[in-house]
């Protein structure tokens, strides 16, 4: 079994994850992890260092959440024009946090706010919590995470070795669920 990785960045990210989990709990709002941290929560262990924390929540939480994060010492970082309707970025203690905003389109399909061409799976938002080092969080369904990795290739995102490893792990998680 692979040893958990606890470098300075991982410790800082776990602290921020704990803080954000508490913020959402106090807001009585839901959030879901995506990316590498979602995989780690599903596995119940830290598998590798992560460059950031990717979080999804409903667009209706945006204003309250941004205000509370600013009050809690997070610095908001501007995002590109094409991302403004669907994402907010924050930094705290050298940790990058990306908040993506979800909604439903006119047909009732789950989408990133403002990104109608990318319809998500109906089961994308797992309803139960996972625990990692005393922190509880919901995560995206592993099939949704896997679809995102496949889309990266289609949209021309540069190859990243970690995506191949993540896909391997996601296939295993999916196999274990079925």
N, C-alpha and C. Protein backbone atom coordinates (compact mmCIF):
# COMPACT_ATOMS: atom_id res chain seq x y z
N UNK A 1 0.85 -1.17 0.00
CA UNK A 1 0.00 0.00 0.00
C UNK A 1 0.89 1.24 0.00
N UNK A 2 0.50 2.22 -0.83
CA UNK A 2 1.27 3.45 -0.96
C UNK A 2 1.13 4.33 0.29
N UNK A 3 2.23 4.88 0.74
CA UNK A 3 2.25 5.74 1.93
C UNK A 3 1.59 7.09 1.62
N UNK A 4 0.81 7.62 2.57
CA UNK A 4 0.21 8.94 2.39
C UNK A 4 1.30 10.00 2.31
N UNK A 5 1.05 11.05 1.52
CA UNK A 5 1.99 12.14 1.34
C UNK A 5 1.55 13.33 2.16
N UNK A 6 2.39 13.78 3.07
CA UNK A 6 2.06 14.92 3.92
C UNK A 6 3.16 15.98 3.85
N UNK A 7 3.34 16.59 2.69
CA UNK A 7 4.28 17.69 2.59
C UNK A 7 3.60 18.95 3.14
N UNK A 8 4.32 20.04 3.16
CA UNK A 8 3.79 21.30 3.70
C UNK A 8 2.52 21.72 2.97
N UNK A 9 2.52 21.58 1.65
CA UNK A 9 1.36 21.96 0.85
C UNK A 9 0.14 21.10 1.19
N UNK A 10 0.34 19.81 1.35
CA UNK A 10 -0.77 18.92 1.68
C UNK A 10 -1.36 19.29 3.04
N UNK A 11 -0.50 19.55 4.01
CA UNK A 11 -1.00 19.96 5.34
C UNK A 11 -1.80 21.25 5.25
N UNK A 12 -1.30 22.21 4.48
CA UNK A 12 -2.01 23.49 4.31
C UNK A 12 -3.36 23.26 3.63
N UNK A 13 -3.39 22.39 2.61
CA UNK A 13 -4.63 22.11 1.91
C UNK A 13 -5.64 21.40 2.81
N UNK A 14 -5.18 20.47 3.61
CA UNK A 14 -6.09 19.80 4.55
C UNK A 14 -6.68 20.80 5.54
N UNK A 15 -5.88 21.74 5.98
CA UNK A 15 -6.37 22.78 6.90
C UNK A 15 -7.44 23.63 6.21
N UNK A 16 -7.19 24.03 4.97
CA UNK A 16 -8.16 24.82 4.21
C UNK A 16 -9.43 24.00 3.94
N UNK A 17 -9.27 22.73 3.59
CA UNK A 17 -10.44 21.87 3.38
C UNK A 17 -11.30 21.78 4.63
N UNK A 18 -10.67 21.66 5.78
CA UNK A 18 -11.39 21.60 7.04
C UNK A 18 -12.15 22.92 7.27
N UNK A 19 -11.47 24.02 7.02
CA UNK A 19 -12.08 25.34 7.19
C UNK A 19 -13.27 25.52 6.25
N UNK A 20 -13.10 25.15 5.00
CA UNK A 20 -14.16 25.31 4.02
C UNK A 20 -15.34 24.39 4.33
N UNK A 21 -15.07 23.19 4.79
CA UNK A 21 -16.13 22.28 5.18
C UNK A 21 -16.98 22.91 6.29
N UNK A 22 -16.32 23.53 7.25
CA UNK A 22 -17.02 24.20 8.35
C UNK A 22 -17.82 25.40 7.84
N UNK A 23 -17.23 26.17 6.92
CA UNK A 23 -17.94 27.32 6.34
C UNK A 23 -19.22 26.87 5.66
N UNK A 24 -19.15 25.83 4.85
CA UNK A 24 -20.34 25.33 4.17
C UNK A 24 -21.36 24.80 5.17
N UNK A 25 -20.89 24.12 6.20
CA UNK A 25 -21.81 23.62 7.22
C UNK A 25 -22.54 24.78 7.89
N UNK A 26 -21.80 25.84 8.24
CA UNK A 26 -22.42 27.01 8.87
C UNK A 26 -23.38 27.73 7.93
N UNK A 27 -23.12 27.66 6.63
CA UNK A 27 -24.02 28.26 5.63
C UNK A 27 -25.23 27.37 5.36
N UNK A 28 -25.20 26.14 5.86
CA UNK A 28 -26.22 25.14 5.55
C UNK A 28 -26.31 24.96 4.03
N UNK A 29 -25.12 24.85 3.41
CA UNK A 29 -25.03 24.71 1.95
C UNK A 29 -24.20 23.48 1.61
N UNK A 30 -24.48 22.91 0.46
CA UNK A 30 -23.76 21.72 0.01
C UNK A 30 -22.58 22.09 -0.88
N UNK A 31 -21.56 21.23 -0.85
CA UNK A 31 -20.46 21.34 -1.80
C UNK A 31 -19.97 19.94 -2.13
N UNK A 32 -19.30 19.84 -3.27
CA UNK A 32 -18.72 18.58 -3.73
C UNK A 32 -17.29 18.84 -4.18
N UNK A 33 -16.41 17.94 -3.83
CA UNK A 33 -15.03 18.02 -4.31
C UNK A 33 -14.96 17.38 -5.69
N UNK A 34 -14.04 17.91 -6.49
CA UNK A 34 -13.75 17.28 -7.77
C UNK A 34 -12.24 17.19 -7.88
N UNK A 35 -11.76 16.53 -8.93
CA UNK A 35 -10.32 16.43 -9.13
C UNK A 35 -9.66 15.48 -8.15
N UNK A 36 -8.38 15.72 -7.90
CA UNK A 36 -7.58 14.82 -7.07
C UNK A 36 -8.07 14.67 -5.65
N UNK A 37 -8.55 15.74 -5.06
CA UNK A 37 -9.04 15.62 -3.68
C UNK A 37 -10.30 14.76 -3.62
N UNK A 38 -11.14 14.80 -4.64
CA UNK A 38 -12.33 13.93 -4.65
C UNK A 38 -11.89 12.46 -4.63
N UNK A 39 -10.88 12.15 -5.43
CA UNK A 39 -10.36 10.77 -5.46
C UNK A 39 -9.82 10.38 -4.09
N UNK A 40 -9.05 11.26 -3.47
CA UNK A 40 -8.48 10.96 -2.15
C UNK A 40 -9.57 10.73 -1.11
N UNK A 41 -10.63 11.55 -1.13
CA UNK A 41 -11.72 11.34 -0.17
C UNK A 41 -12.41 10.01 -0.41
N UNK A 42 -12.61 9.63 -1.68
CA UNK A 42 -13.24 8.33 -1.96
C UNK A 42 -12.37 7.19 -1.46
N UNK A 43 -11.05 7.33 -1.60
CA UNK A 43 -10.13 6.28 -1.16
C UNK A 43 -9.86 6.33 0.34
N UNK A 44 -10.14 7.47 0.98
CA UNK A 44 -9.89 7.62 2.40
C UNK A 44 -8.43 7.82 2.76
N UNK A 45 -7.64 8.28 1.77
CA UNK A 45 -6.22 8.53 2.02
C UNK A 45 -5.68 9.53 1.00
N UNK A 46 -4.63 10.21 1.39
CA UNK A 46 -3.97 11.14 0.49
C UNK A 46 -3.05 10.32 -0.42
N UNK A 47 -3.25 10.46 -1.74
CA UNK A 47 -2.50 9.64 -2.68
C UNK A 47 -1.29 10.35 -3.29
N UNK A 48 -1.35 11.70 -3.32
CA UNK A 48 -0.28 12.47 -3.94
C UNK A 48 -0.45 13.93 -3.56
N UNK A 49 0.58 14.74 -3.76
CA UNK A 49 0.40 16.19 -3.57
C UNK A 49 -0.54 16.75 -4.65
N UNK A 50 -1.31 17.75 -4.29
CA UNK A 50 -2.26 18.37 -5.22
C UNK A 50 -1.88 19.83 -5.42
N UNK A 51 -2.14 20.35 -6.62
CA UNK A 51 -1.80 21.74 -6.90
C UNK A 51 -2.87 22.70 -6.40
N UNK A 52 -4.12 22.21 -6.24
CA UNK A 52 -5.20 23.08 -5.81
C UNK A 52 -6.33 22.25 -5.22
N UNK A 53 -7.38 22.96 -4.82
CA UNK A 53 -8.60 22.33 -4.32
C UNK A 53 -9.73 22.78 -5.22
N UNK A 54 -10.41 21.82 -5.83
CA UNK A 54 -11.54 22.12 -6.72
C UNK A 54 -12.84 21.77 -6.01
N UNK A 55 -13.70 22.78 -5.88
CA UNK A 55 -14.97 22.63 -5.16
C UNK A 55 -16.11 23.07 -6.05
N UNK A 56 -17.22 22.37 -5.96
CA UNK A 56 -18.44 22.73 -6.67
C UNK A 56 -19.55 22.99 -5.67
N UNK A 57 -20.38 23.99 -5.98
CA UNK A 57 -21.55 24.28 -5.17
C UNK A 57 -22.58 24.94 -6.08
N UNK A 58 -23.74 25.18 -5.56
CA UNK A 58 -24.81 25.80 -6.35
C UNK A 58 -24.54 27.28 -6.55
N UNK A 59 -24.91 27.80 -7.70
CA UNK A 59 -24.71 29.22 -8.02
C UNK A 59 -25.43 30.10 -6.99
N UNK A 60 -26.51 29.62 -6.41
CA UNK A 60 -27.25 30.40 -5.42
C UNK A 60 -26.44 30.65 -4.14
N UNK A 61 -25.36 29.90 -3.94
CA UNK A 61 -24.51 30.10 -2.76
C UNK A 61 -23.40 31.13 -2.99
N UNK A 62 -23.20 31.54 -4.23
CA UNK A 62 -22.03 32.31 -4.61
C UNK A 62 -21.81 33.58 -3.77
N UNK A 63 -22.78 34.47 -3.74
CA UNK A 63 -22.58 35.75 -3.06
C UNK A 63 -22.26 35.59 -1.58
N UNK A 64 -23.05 34.78 -0.89
CA UNK A 64 -22.80 34.56 0.54
C UNK A 64 -21.45 33.91 0.77
N UNK A 65 -21.12 32.92 -0.05
CA UNK A 65 -19.86 32.20 0.10
C UNK A 65 -18.65 33.11 -0.13
N UNK A 66 -18.69 33.89 -1.20
CA UNK A 66 -17.57 34.80 -1.47
C UNK A 66 -17.37 35.79 -0.32
N UNK A 67 -18.46 36.33 0.20
CA UNK A 67 -18.36 37.29 1.31
C UNK A 67 -17.76 36.64 2.55
N UNK A 68 -18.18 35.44 2.87
CA UNK A 68 -17.67 34.74 4.06
C UNK A 68 -16.20 34.36 3.88
N UNK A 69 -15.83 33.91 2.69
CA UNK A 69 -14.42 33.58 2.45
C UNK A 69 -13.53 34.81 2.61
N UNK A 70 -13.97 35.95 2.11
CA UNK A 70 -13.20 37.18 2.28
C UNK A 70 -13.06 37.54 3.76
N UNK A 71 -14.14 37.40 4.52
CA UNK A 71 -14.11 37.66 5.95
C UNK A 71 -13.17 36.69 6.67
N UNK A 72 -13.04 35.48 6.14
CA UNK A 72 -12.20 34.45 6.76
C UNK A 72 -10.73 34.55 6.33
N UNK A 73 -10.37 35.60 5.60
CA UNK A 73 -8.98 35.81 5.24
C UNK A 73 -8.55 35.25 3.90
N UNK A 74 -9.50 34.81 3.09
CA UNK A 74 -9.17 34.34 1.75
C UNK A 74 -9.06 35.54 0.83
N UNK A 75 -8.13 35.47 -0.10
CA UNK A 75 -7.95 36.53 -1.09
C UNK A 75 -8.58 36.07 -2.39
N UNK A 76 -9.50 36.89 -2.93
CA UNK A 76 -10.12 36.53 -4.20
C UNK A 76 -9.19 36.91 -5.34
N UNK A 77 -9.06 35.99 -6.29
CA UNK A 77 -8.17 36.18 -7.44
C UNK A 77 -9.05 36.31 -8.68
N UNK A 78 -8.82 37.31 -9.51
CA UNK A 78 -9.64 37.45 -10.72
C UNK A 78 -9.50 36.24 -11.64
N UNK A 79 -10.60 35.89 -12.30
CA UNK A 79 -10.59 34.81 -13.29
C UNK A 79 -10.84 35.42 -14.66
N UNK A 80 -10.50 34.68 -15.70
CA UNK A 80 -10.72 35.15 -17.06
C UNK A 80 -12.19 35.40 -17.35
N UNK A 81 -12.45 36.29 -18.27
CA UNK A 81 -13.82 36.67 -18.63
C UNK A 81 -14.71 35.46 -18.93
N UNK A 82 -14.15 34.47 -19.64
CA UNK A 82 -14.95 33.30 -20.03
C UNK A 82 -15.35 32.43 -18.84
N UNK A 83 -14.71 32.62 -17.67
CA UNK A 83 -15.00 31.81 -16.48
C UNK A 83 -15.82 32.54 -15.43
N UNK A 84 -16.06 33.82 -15.60
CA UNK A 84 -16.68 34.63 -14.54
C UNK A 84 -18.05 34.16 -14.10
N UNK A 85 -18.83 33.61 -15.01
CA UNK A 85 -20.18 33.15 -14.63
C UNK A 85 -20.17 31.81 -13.92
N UNK A 86 -19.05 31.10 -14.00
CA UNK A 86 -19.07 29.74 -13.47
C UNK A 86 -17.99 29.42 -12.46
N UNK A 87 -17.17 30.40 -12.08
CA UNK A 87 -16.03 30.07 -11.21
C UNK A 87 -15.57 31.29 -10.42
N UNK A 88 -15.11 31.04 -9.19
CA UNK A 88 -14.41 32.03 -8.38
C UNK A 88 -13.14 31.38 -7.86
N UNK A 89 -12.05 32.11 -7.87
CA UNK A 89 -10.78 31.59 -7.36
C UNK A 89 -10.35 32.36 -6.12
N UNK A 90 -9.83 31.63 -5.15
CA UNK A 90 -9.35 32.22 -3.90
C UNK A 90 -8.00 31.62 -3.54
N UNK A 91 -7.23 32.36 -2.76
CA UNK A 91 -5.96 31.89 -2.19
C UNK A 91 -5.99 32.12 -0.69
N UNK A 92 -5.39 31.21 0.03
CA UNK A 92 -5.13 31.40 1.45
C UNK A 92 -3.98 30.49 1.84
N UNK A 93 -2.99 31.05 2.51
CA UNK A 93 -1.83 30.27 2.98
C UNK A 93 -1.20 29.45 1.85
N UNK A 94 -1.03 30.09 0.69
CA UNK A 94 -0.45 29.45 -0.50
C UNK A 94 -1.29 28.29 -1.04
N UNK A 95 -2.54 28.24 -0.70
CA UNK A 95 -3.45 27.22 -1.20
C UNK A 95 -4.41 27.88 -2.19
N UNK A 96 -4.52 27.29 -3.37
CA UNK A 96 -5.43 27.76 -4.41
C UNK A 96 -6.73 26.98 -4.29
N UNK A 97 -7.85 27.72 -4.22
CA UNK A 97 -9.17 27.12 -4.14
C UNK A 97 -9.99 27.63 -5.32
N UNK A 98 -10.49 26.71 -6.13
CA UNK A 98 -11.35 27.06 -7.24
C UNK A 98 -12.76 26.61 -6.91
N UNK A 99 -13.69 27.55 -6.94
CA UNK A 99 -15.09 27.25 -6.69
C UNK A 99 -15.84 27.29 -8.02
N UNK A 100 -16.42 26.17 -8.39
CA UNK A 100 -17.24 26.10 -9.59
C UNK A 100 -18.69 26.12 -9.19
N UNK A 101 -19.52 26.74 -10.04
CA UNK A 101 -20.92 26.93 -9.68
C UNK A 101 -21.85 26.13 -10.60
N UNK A 102 -22.72 25.38 -9.97
CA UNK A 102 -23.65 24.49 -10.67
C UNK A 102 -25.04 25.08 -10.72
N UNK A 103 -25.78 24.66 -11.73
CA UNK A 103 -27.18 25.03 -11.87
C UNK A 103 -27.83 24.00 -12.79
N UNK A 104 -29.11 24.20 -13.06
CA UNK A 104 -29.82 23.38 -14.03
C UNK A 104 -30.21 24.25 -15.22
N UNK A 105 -30.13 23.69 -16.42
CA UNK A 105 -30.55 24.45 -17.60
C UNK A 105 -32.07 24.38 -17.73
N UNK A 106 -32.60 25.01 -18.77
CA UNK A 106 -34.05 25.08 -18.98
C UNK A 106 -34.69 23.70 -19.13
N UNK A 107 -33.90 22.71 -19.52
CA UNK A 107 -34.41 21.34 -19.68
C UNK A 107 -34.22 20.48 -18.44
N UNK A 108 -33.72 21.07 -17.36
CA UNK A 108 -33.52 20.32 -16.13
C UNK A 108 -32.21 19.55 -16.07
N UNK A 109 -31.29 19.83 -16.99
CA UNK A 109 -29.98 19.17 -16.99
C UNK A 109 -29.01 19.89 -16.08
N UNK A 110 -28.22 19.13 -15.35
CA UNK A 110 -27.19 19.69 -14.49
C UNK A 110 -26.05 20.21 -15.36
N UNK A 111 -25.65 21.46 -15.11
CA UNK A 111 -24.56 22.08 -15.88
C UNK A 111 -23.74 23.00 -14.97
N UNK A 112 -22.53 23.33 -15.43
CA UNK A 112 -21.80 24.43 -14.82
C UNK A 112 -22.55 25.70 -15.24
N UNK A 113 -22.71 26.63 -14.33
CA UNK A 113 -23.43 27.85 -14.64
C UNK A 113 -22.83 28.51 -15.90
N UNK A 114 -23.68 28.78 -16.88
CA UNK A 114 -23.23 29.46 -18.08
C UNK A 114 -22.56 28.57 -19.11
N UNK A 115 -22.47 27.28 -18.87
CA UNK A 115 -21.80 26.37 -19.80
C UNK A 115 -22.82 25.32 -20.27
N UNK A 116 -23.79 25.78 -21.03
CA UNK A 116 -24.92 24.93 -21.42
C UNK A 116 -24.53 23.77 -22.34
N UNK A 117 -23.41 23.89 -23.04
CA UNK A 117 -23.02 22.83 -23.97
C UNK A 117 -22.44 21.60 -23.27
N UNK A 118 -22.18 21.69 -21.97
CA UNK A 118 -21.63 20.55 -21.24
C UNK A 118 -22.65 20.06 -20.22
N UNK A 119 -23.47 19.10 -20.61
CA UNK A 119 -24.48 18.52 -19.73
C UNK A 119 -23.83 17.41 -18.91
N UNK A 120 -24.05 17.48 -17.60
CA UNK A 120 -23.46 16.50 -16.69
C UNK A 120 -24.37 15.30 -16.51
N UNK A 121 -23.80 14.24 -15.99
CA UNK A 121 -24.54 13.03 -15.66
C UNK A 121 -25.59 13.35 -14.59
N UNK A 122 -26.73 12.66 -14.65
CA UNK A 122 -27.78 12.85 -13.64
C UNK A 122 -27.30 12.47 -12.24
N UNK A 123 -26.37 11.51 -12.17
CA UNK A 123 -25.90 11.02 -10.87
C UNK A 123 -24.56 11.66 -10.46
N UNK A 124 -24.21 12.78 -11.05
CA UNK A 124 -22.90 13.40 -10.81
C UNK A 124 -22.63 13.77 -9.35
N UNK A 125 -23.67 14.19 -8.65
CA UNK A 125 -23.50 14.70 -7.29
C UNK A 125 -23.84 13.60 -6.28
N UNK A 126 -22.81 12.94 -5.79
CA UNK A 126 -23.05 11.88 -4.80
C UNK A 126 -23.68 12.49 -3.55
N UNK A 127 -24.70 11.83 -3.00
CA UNK A 127 -25.43 12.40 -1.87
C UNK A 127 -24.79 12.17 -0.50
N UNK A 128 -23.85 11.25 -0.41
CA UNK A 128 -23.30 10.92 0.91
C UNK A 128 -21.90 11.52 1.10
N UNK A 129 -21.51 11.57 2.35
CA UNK A 129 -20.22 12.16 2.72
C UNK A 129 -19.12 11.10 2.78
N UNK A 130 -17.92 11.55 2.49
CA UNK A 130 -16.71 10.76 2.67
C UNK A 130 -15.89 11.47 3.73
N UNK A 131 -15.04 10.71 4.42
CA UNK A 131 -14.20 11.28 5.48
C UNK A 131 -12.73 11.09 5.15
N UNK A 132 -11.96 12.11 5.43
CA UNK A 132 -10.51 12.04 5.27
C UNK A 132 -9.89 12.89 6.37
N UNK A 133 -9.14 12.27 7.25
CA UNK A 133 -8.46 12.96 8.35
C UNK A 133 -9.40 13.88 9.13
N UNK A 134 -10.60 13.35 9.43
CA UNK A 134 -11.56 14.08 10.25
C UNK A 134 -12.37 15.12 9.50
N UNK A 135 -12.16 15.25 8.20
CA UNK A 135 -12.88 16.22 7.38
C UNK A 135 -13.94 15.46 6.60
N UNK A 136 -15.15 16.00 6.54
CA UNK A 136 -16.19 15.33 5.76
C UNK A 136 -16.53 16.19 4.55
N UNK A 137 -16.72 15.49 3.43
CA UNK A 137 -17.05 16.18 2.18
C UNK A 137 -17.77 15.21 1.25
N UNK A 138 -18.63 15.79 0.42
CA UNK A 138 -19.23 15.03 -0.66
C UNK A 138 -18.29 15.17 -1.86
N UNK A 139 -18.42 14.26 -2.81
CA UNK A 139 -17.56 14.28 -3.99
C UNK A 139 -18.40 14.02 -5.24
N UNK A 140 -17.84 14.35 -6.39
CA UNK A 140 -18.48 13.99 -7.64
C UNK A 140 -18.40 12.49 -7.85
N UNK A 141 -19.38 11.96 -8.54
CA UNK A 141 -19.38 10.54 -8.88
C UNK A 141 -18.12 10.22 -9.68
N UNK A 142 -17.48 9.08 -9.42
CA UNK A 142 -16.25 8.76 -10.16
C UNK A 142 -16.46 8.70 -11.68
N UNK A 143 -17.66 8.34 -12.13
CA UNK A 143 -17.91 8.33 -13.57
C UNK A 143 -17.91 9.75 -14.14
N UNK A 144 -18.39 10.73 -13.36
CA UNK A 144 -18.34 12.13 -13.79
C UNK A 144 -16.89 12.61 -13.83
N UNK A 145 -16.12 12.25 -12.82
CA UNK A 145 -14.70 12.62 -12.79
C UNK A 145 -13.96 12.03 -13.99
N UNK A 146 -14.28 10.80 -14.31
CA UNK A 146 -13.65 10.14 -15.45
C UNK A 146 -14.04 10.82 -16.77
N UNK A 147 -15.31 11.18 -16.89
CA UNK A 147 -15.74 11.90 -18.10
C UNK A 147 -14.99 13.22 -18.25
N UNK A 148 -14.75 13.92 -17.15
CA UNK A 148 -14.00 15.17 -17.21
C UNK A 148 -12.58 14.93 -17.73
N UNK A 149 -11.95 13.88 -17.28
CA UNK A 149 -10.60 13.56 -17.75
C UNK A 149 -10.61 13.29 -19.25
N UNK A 150 -11.65 12.61 -19.73
CA UNK A 150 -11.76 12.33 -21.17
C UNK A 150 -12.00 13.61 -21.96
N UNK A 151 -12.79 14.52 -21.41
CA UNK A 151 -13.08 15.79 -22.09
C UNK A 151 -11.81 16.63 -22.20
N UNK A 152 -10.94 16.56 -21.21
CA UNK A 152 -9.69 17.32 -21.27
C UNK A 152 -8.96 17.03 -22.57
N UNK A 153 -8.90 15.76 -22.94
CA UNK A 153 -8.20 15.37 -24.16
C UNK A 153 -8.92 15.95 -25.39
N UNK A 154 -10.26 15.88 -25.37
CA UNK A 154 -11.04 16.37 -26.50
C UNK A 154 -10.90 17.88 -26.70
N UNK A 155 -10.77 18.63 -25.62
CA UNK A 155 -10.69 20.09 -25.75
C UNK A 155 -9.26 20.58 -25.92
N UNK A 156 -8.32 19.65 -25.99
CA UNK A 156 -6.93 20.03 -26.26
C UNK A 156 -6.13 20.45 -25.05
N UNK A 157 -6.59 20.08 -23.86
CA UNK A 157 -5.80 20.40 -22.66
C UNK A 157 -4.49 19.63 -22.73
N UNK A 158 -3.39 20.26 -22.36
CA UNK A 158 -2.09 19.57 -22.43
C UNK A 158 -2.08 18.29 -21.60
N UNK A 159 -1.38 17.29 -22.10
CA UNK A 159 -1.24 16.01 -21.41
C UNK A 159 -0.60 16.22 -20.04
N UNK A 160 -1.18 15.57 -19.04
CA UNK A 160 -0.62 15.58 -17.69
C UNK A 160 -0.56 14.14 -17.22
N UNK A 161 0.61 13.71 -16.79
CA UNK A 161 0.79 12.33 -16.33
C UNK A 161 -0.20 11.99 -15.22
N UNK A 162 -0.47 12.96 -14.34
CA UNK A 162 -1.37 12.69 -13.21
C UNK A 162 -2.78 12.34 -13.69
N UNK A 163 -3.20 12.84 -14.88
CA UNK A 163 -4.52 12.49 -15.40
C UNK A 163 -4.60 11.00 -15.73
N UNK A 164 -3.53 10.44 -16.27
CA UNK A 164 -3.51 9.01 -16.58
C UNK A 164 -3.63 8.18 -15.31
N UNK A 165 -2.90 8.56 -14.28
CA UNK A 165 -2.97 7.85 -13.00
C UNK A 165 -4.36 8.00 -12.39
N UNK A 166 -4.92 9.20 -12.46
CA UNK A 166 -6.27 9.42 -11.94
C UNK A 166 -7.29 8.56 -12.66
N UNK A 167 -7.18 8.45 -13.98
CA UNK A 167 -8.10 7.61 -14.74
C UNK A 167 -7.98 6.15 -14.30
N UNK A 168 -6.77 5.67 -14.10
CA UNK A 168 -6.57 4.30 -13.64
C UNK A 168 -7.27 4.09 -12.30
N UNK A 169 -7.08 5.01 -11.37
CA UNK A 169 -7.70 4.90 -10.05
C UNK A 169 -9.22 4.97 -10.17
N UNK A 170 -9.73 5.88 -10.99
CA UNK A 170 -11.18 6.02 -11.15
C UNK A 170 -11.80 4.75 -11.74
N UNK A 171 -11.14 4.15 -12.72
CA UNK A 171 -11.65 2.88 -13.26
C UNK A 171 -11.74 1.82 -12.14
N UNK A 172 -10.75 1.80 -11.26
CA UNK A 172 -10.75 0.82 -10.15
C UNK A 172 -11.89 1.12 -9.17
N UNK A 173 -12.06 2.40 -8.84
CA UNK A 173 -13.15 2.79 -7.92
C UNK A 173 -14.50 2.39 -8.53
N UNK A 174 -14.69 2.67 -9.80
CA UNK A 174 -15.94 2.33 -10.49
C UNK A 174 -16.15 0.81 -10.49
N UNK A 175 -15.10 0.09 -10.76
CA UNK A 175 -15.17 -1.38 -10.76
C UNK A 175 -15.58 -1.89 -9.37
N UNK A 176 -15.04 -1.30 -8.33
CA UNK A 176 -15.36 -1.72 -6.96
C UNK A 176 -16.81 -1.39 -6.59
N UNK A 177 -17.37 -0.32 -7.20
CA UNK A 177 -18.74 0.07 -6.91
C UNK A 177 -19.76 -0.84 -7.58
N UNK A 178 -19.37 -1.46 -8.69
CA UNK A 178 -20.33 -2.24 -9.49
C UNK A 178 -20.38 -3.69 -9.08
